[in-house]
Amino acid sequence: MNIKNFFKKISTYIYSGHNTNADTLFKTNKELHNVFKPKIGELYWFVQINGYVACSYLIISDVDAYRIIHGNCYKTKNEAKANINKHVVEMYLGFWY
């Protein structure tokens, strides 16, 4: 899958009216549209379910898409740290699944 198809898949999901608990309770489609979307090979930061902040490089995987779709993708470590509580609550309450 190339990067164009990868982001097209994400955009289709976000704007298709797909309604998950996370979308309803925490994010509007406009907010999802403003999520940081790294380029292939670019470093991004995210919050793990245990509340730790980690980083990864975009390799166009399902995991990358999942993080972007759920707004768990940040340009800096500090941005990710600022959102730890929100993501841990979402994950533990099952809004991502």
N, C-alpha and C. Protein backbone atom coordinates (compact mmCIF):
# COMPACT_ATOMS: atom_id res chain seq x y z
N MET A 1 0.85 -1.17 0.00
CA MET A 1 0.00 0.00 0.00
C MET A 1 0.90 1.24 0.00
N ASN A 2 0.63 2.17 -0.89
CA ASN A 2 1.43 3.39 -0.91
C ASN A 2 0.81 4.43 0.02
N ILE A 3 1.53 5.52 0.25
CA ILE A 3 1.10 6.53 1.22
C ILE A 3 -0.21 7.18 0.80
N LYS A 4 -0.41 7.39 -0.50
CA LYS A 4 -1.65 8.00 -0.98
C LYS A 4 -2.85 7.13 -0.62
N ASN A 5 -2.75 5.84 -0.87
CA ASN A 5 -3.84 4.92 -0.54
C ASN A 5 -4.03 4.79 0.97
N PHE A 6 -2.93 4.84 1.70
CA PHE A 6 -2.99 4.76 3.16
C PHE A 6 -3.83 5.89 3.73
N PHE A 7 -3.53 7.13 3.34
CA PHE A 7 -4.28 8.27 3.87
C PHE A 7 -5.69 8.35 3.27
N LYS A 8 -5.85 7.84 2.06
CA LYS A 8 -7.20 7.78 1.48
C LYS A 8 -8.07 6.84 2.31
N LYS A 9 -7.50 5.71 2.73
CA LYS A 9 -8.22 4.75 3.56
C LYS A 9 -8.63 5.39 4.89
N ILE A 10 -7.72 6.13 5.49
CA ILE A 10 -8.01 6.81 6.75
C ILE A 10 -9.10 7.86 6.54
N SER A 11 -8.97 8.67 5.49
CA SER A 11 -9.95 9.72 5.23
C SER A 11 -11.32 9.14 4.97
N THR A 12 -11.37 8.05 4.22
CA THR A 12 -12.64 7.39 3.95
C THR A 12 -13.29 6.94 5.24
N TYR A 13 -12.50 6.38 6.14
CA TYR A 13 -13.01 5.93 7.44
C TYR A 13 -13.54 7.10 8.25
N ILE A 14 -12.77 8.18 8.30
CA ILE A 14 -13.14 9.33 9.13
C ILE A 14 -14.39 10.02 8.60
N TYR A 15 -14.48 10.19 7.31
CA TYR A 15 -15.57 10.97 6.74
C TYR A 15 -16.73 10.13 6.24
N SER A 16 -16.71 8.84 6.47
CA SER A 16 -17.78 7.99 5.98
C SER A 16 -18.99 7.98 6.91
N GLY A 17 -18.90 8.72 7.99
CA GLY A 17 -19.98 8.70 8.96
C GLY A 17 -19.82 7.56 9.95
N HIS A 18 -18.67 6.89 9.90
CA HIS A 18 -18.40 5.82 10.84
C HIS A 18 -18.50 6.38 12.25
N ASN A 19 -19.32 5.80 13.06
CA ASN A 19 -19.60 6.36 14.38
C ASN A 19 -19.19 5.37 15.46
N THR A 20 -18.08 5.63 16.10
CA THR A 20 -17.65 4.80 17.22
C THR A 20 -17.85 5.58 18.49
N ASN A 21 -17.77 4.94 19.63
CA ASN A 21 -17.90 5.64 20.90
C ASN A 21 -16.86 6.73 21.04
N ALA A 22 -15.65 6.47 20.60
CA ALA A 22 -14.59 7.47 20.70
C ALA A 22 -14.94 8.70 19.87
N ASP A 23 -15.47 8.46 18.66
CA ASP A 23 -15.86 9.59 17.82
C ASP A 23 -16.96 10.40 18.51
N THR A 24 -17.93 9.72 19.05
CA THR A 24 -19.08 10.38 19.66
C THR A 24 -18.69 11.14 20.91
N LEU A 25 -17.93 10.52 21.78
CA LEU A 25 -17.66 11.11 23.07
C LEU A 25 -16.46 12.05 23.12
N PHE A 26 -15.47 11.82 22.31
CA PHE A 26 -14.24 12.59 22.44
C PHE A 26 -13.85 13.41 21.22
N LYS A 27 -14.29 13.02 20.04
CA LYS A 27 -13.80 13.69 18.85
C LYS A 27 -14.93 13.94 17.86
N THR A 28 -14.86 15.06 17.19
CA THR A 28 -15.72 15.27 16.04
C THR A 28 -14.89 14.92 14.82
N ASN A 29 -15.53 14.77 13.68
CA ASN A 29 -14.78 14.47 12.46
C ASN A 29 -13.79 15.58 12.15
N LYS A 30 -14.14 16.84 12.47
CA LYS A 30 -13.23 17.95 12.24
C LYS A 30 -11.97 17.79 13.09
N GLU A 31 -12.13 17.37 14.35
CA GLU A 31 -10.97 17.17 15.21
C GLU A 31 -10.10 16.04 14.67
N LEU A 32 -10.70 14.98 14.17
CA LEU A 32 -9.92 13.88 13.61
C LEU A 32 -9.17 14.34 12.37
N HIS A 33 -9.76 15.25 11.63
CA HIS A 33 -9.11 15.77 10.43
C HIS A 33 -7.83 16.52 10.79
N ASN A 34 -7.78 17.11 11.97
CA ASN A 34 -6.63 17.91 12.39
C ASN A 34 -5.54 17.10 13.10
N VAL A 35 -5.67 15.80 13.14
CA VAL A 35 -4.67 14.95 13.77
C VAL A 35 -3.36 15.01 12.98
N PHE A 36 -2.25 15.02 13.69
CA PHE A 36 -0.94 15.01 13.04
C PHE A 36 -0.80 13.74 12.20
N LYS A 37 -0.43 13.91 10.95
CA LYS A 37 -0.25 12.79 10.02
C LYS A 37 1.19 12.81 9.52
N PRO A 38 2.05 11.99 10.11
CA PRO A 38 3.46 11.98 9.70
C PRO A 38 3.63 11.43 8.29
N LYS A 39 4.75 11.76 7.69
CA LYS A 39 5.11 11.23 6.37
C LYS A 39 5.82 9.89 6.57
N ILE A 40 5.90 9.09 5.53
CA ILE A 40 6.58 7.80 5.62
C ILE A 40 7.99 8.01 6.15
N GLY A 41 8.33 7.24 7.17
CA GLY A 41 9.64 7.31 7.78
C GLY A 41 9.78 8.38 8.83
N GLU A 42 8.76 9.20 9.01
CA GLU A 42 8.83 10.29 9.98
C GLU A 42 8.49 9.77 11.38
N LEU A 43 9.20 10.29 12.35
CA LEU A 43 8.99 9.93 13.75
C LEU A 43 7.72 10.58 14.27
N TYR A 44 6.92 9.82 15.03
CA TYR A 44 5.78 10.39 15.73
C TYR A 44 5.68 9.77 17.11
N TRP A 45 4.96 10.44 17.99
CA TRP A 45 4.81 10.01 19.38
C TRP A 45 3.37 9.60 19.64
N PHE A 46 3.17 8.66 20.58
CA PHE A 46 1.84 8.19 20.92
C PHE A 46 1.81 7.73 22.37
N VAL A 47 0.60 7.55 22.89
CA VAL A 47 0.40 7.11 24.27
C VAL A 47 0.05 5.63 24.25
N GLN A 48 0.78 4.82 25.03
CA GLN A 48 0.49 3.40 25.15
C GLN A 48 -0.61 3.18 26.19
N ILE A 49 -1.22 2.02 26.20
CA ILE A 49 -2.31 1.72 27.11
C ILE A 49 -1.88 1.81 28.58
N ASN A 50 -0.60 1.62 28.86
CA ASN A 50 -0.12 1.71 30.25
C ASN A 50 0.19 3.14 30.66
N GLY A 51 -0.04 4.09 29.75
CA GLY A 51 0.17 5.49 30.07
C GLY A 51 1.55 6.01 29.75
N TYR A 52 2.43 5.15 29.27
CA TYR A 52 3.76 5.60 28.87
C TYR A 52 3.70 6.19 27.47
N VAL A 53 4.57 7.14 27.21
CA VAL A 53 4.68 7.74 25.89
C VAL A 53 5.80 7.03 25.14
N ALA A 54 5.53 6.69 23.89
CA ALA A 54 6.53 6.00 23.07
C ALA A 54 6.56 6.66 21.69
N CYS A 55 7.55 6.26 20.91
CA CYS A 55 7.64 6.82 19.56
C CYS A 55 7.78 5.68 18.55
N SER A 56 7.46 6.03 17.32
CA SER A 56 7.55 5.07 16.23
C SER A 56 7.78 5.86 14.94
N TYR A 57 8.17 5.15 13.91
CA TYR A 57 8.29 5.75 12.59
C TYR A 57 7.14 5.25 11.74
N LEU A 58 6.54 6.13 10.97
CA LEU A 58 5.43 5.73 10.11
C LEU A 58 5.93 4.77 9.04
N ILE A 59 5.34 3.58 9.02
CA ILE A 59 5.72 2.57 8.01
C ILE A 59 4.50 2.09 7.23
N ILE A 60 3.41 2.81 7.37
CA ILE A 60 2.15 2.47 6.68
C ILE A 60 1.63 1.11 7.12
N SER A 61 1.45 0.94 8.40
CA SER A 61 0.89 -0.30 8.94
C SER A 61 -0.51 -0.04 9.47
N ASP A 62 -1.23 -1.11 9.78
CA ASP A 62 -2.54 -0.97 10.39
C ASP A 62 -2.45 -0.27 11.74
N VAL A 63 -1.37 -0.52 12.47
CA VAL A 63 -1.17 0.11 13.77
C VAL A 63 -1.02 1.62 13.60
N ASP A 64 -0.25 2.04 12.61
CA ASP A 64 -0.10 3.47 12.32
C ASP A 64 -1.47 4.09 12.01
N ALA A 65 -2.23 3.43 11.14
CA ALA A 65 -3.55 3.94 10.76
C ALA A 65 -4.46 4.04 11.98
N TYR A 66 -4.43 3.02 12.83
CA TYR A 66 -5.25 2.98 14.03
C TYR A 66 -4.93 4.17 14.94
N ARG A 67 -3.65 4.45 15.13
CA ARG A 67 -3.26 5.57 15.99
C ARG A 67 -3.71 6.90 15.40
N ILE A 68 -3.56 7.06 14.10
CA ILE A 68 -3.96 8.30 13.45
C ILE A 68 -5.48 8.47 13.53
N ILE A 69 -6.22 7.42 13.22
CA ILE A 69 -7.68 7.47 13.25
C ILE A 69 -8.19 7.87 14.63
N HIS A 70 -7.54 7.38 15.66
CA HIS A 70 -7.99 7.66 17.03
C HIS A 70 -7.31 8.86 17.66
N GLY A 71 -6.58 9.61 16.86
CA GLY A 71 -5.99 10.85 17.35
C GLY A 71 -4.83 10.66 18.30
N ASN A 72 -4.23 9.48 18.29
CA ASN A 72 -3.12 9.18 19.18
C ASN A 72 -1.81 9.23 18.39
N CYS A 73 -1.55 10.38 17.81
CA CYS A 73 -0.38 10.57 16.96
C CYS A 73 0.06 12.01 17.12
N TYR A 74 1.26 12.21 17.65
CA TYR A 74 1.73 13.55 17.99
C TYR A 74 3.10 13.82 17.40
N LYS A 75 3.34 15.08 17.10
CA LYS A 75 4.61 15.49 16.51
C LYS A 75 5.73 15.50 17.56
N THR A 76 5.39 15.83 18.81
CA THR A 76 6.41 15.90 19.85
C THR A 76 6.04 15.04 21.05
N LYS A 77 7.05 14.71 21.81
CA LYS A 77 6.85 13.93 23.04
C LYS A 77 5.99 14.71 24.03
N ASN A 78 6.22 16.02 24.13
CA ASN A 78 5.45 16.83 25.06
C ASN A 78 3.96 16.89 24.71
N GLU A 79 3.64 16.91 23.41
CA GLU A 79 2.24 16.87 23.00
C GLU A 79 1.59 15.56 23.44
N ALA A 80 2.31 14.46 23.26
CA ALA A 80 1.78 13.16 23.69
C ALA A 80 1.60 13.12 25.20
N LYS A 81 2.59 13.62 25.94
CA LYS A 81 2.49 13.64 27.41
C LYS A 81 1.29 14.45 27.87
N ALA A 82 0.99 15.52 27.18
CA ALA A 82 -0.14 16.38 27.56
C ALA A 82 -1.48 15.67 27.37
N ASN A 83 -1.50 14.58 26.62
CA ASN A 83 -2.75 13.87 26.33
C ASN A 83 -2.81 12.47 26.93
N ILE A 84 -1.91 12.16 27.84
CA ILE A 84 -1.87 10.83 28.44
C ILE A 84 -3.20 10.46 29.08
N ASN A 85 -3.72 11.30 29.95
CA ASN A 85 -4.95 10.96 30.67
C ASN A 85 -6.11 10.68 29.74
N LYS A 86 -6.26 11.51 28.72
CA LYS A 86 -7.36 11.32 27.77
C LYS A 86 -7.28 9.96 27.09
N HIS A 87 -6.10 9.60 26.60
CA HIS A 87 -5.96 8.35 25.86
C HIS A 87 -6.07 7.12 26.77
N VAL A 88 -5.52 7.19 27.96
CA VAL A 88 -5.62 6.05 28.88
C VAL A 88 -7.08 5.81 29.25
N VAL A 89 -7.82 6.87 29.51
CA VAL A 89 -9.24 6.73 29.83
C VAL A 89 -9.98 6.11 28.65
N GLU A 90 -9.74 6.63 27.45
CA GLU A 90 -10.40 6.08 26.25
C GLU A 90 -10.10 4.60 26.08
N MET A 91 -8.83 4.23 26.25
CA MET A 91 -8.43 2.83 26.04
C MET A 91 -9.04 1.92 27.10
N TYR A 92 -8.99 2.32 28.37
CA TYR A 92 -9.51 1.48 29.44
C TYR A 92 -11.02 1.36 29.40
N LEU A 93 -11.71 2.40 28.94
CA LEU A 93 -13.16 2.32 28.85
C LEU A 93 -13.62 1.63 27.58
N GLY A 94 -12.67 1.28 26.74
CA GLY A 94 -13.01 0.49 25.56
C GLY A 94 -13.46 1.28 24.37
N PHE A 95 -13.23 2.58 24.34
CA PHE A 95 -13.70 3.38 23.22
C PHE A 95 -12.91 3.14 21.95
N TRP A 96 -11.79 2.47 22.05
CA TRP A 96 -10.97 2.21 20.86
C TRP A 96 -11.29 0.86 20.22
N TYR A 97 -12.07 0.06 20.89
CA TYR A 97 -12.26 -1.30 20.40
C TYR A 97 -13.64 -1.55 19.89
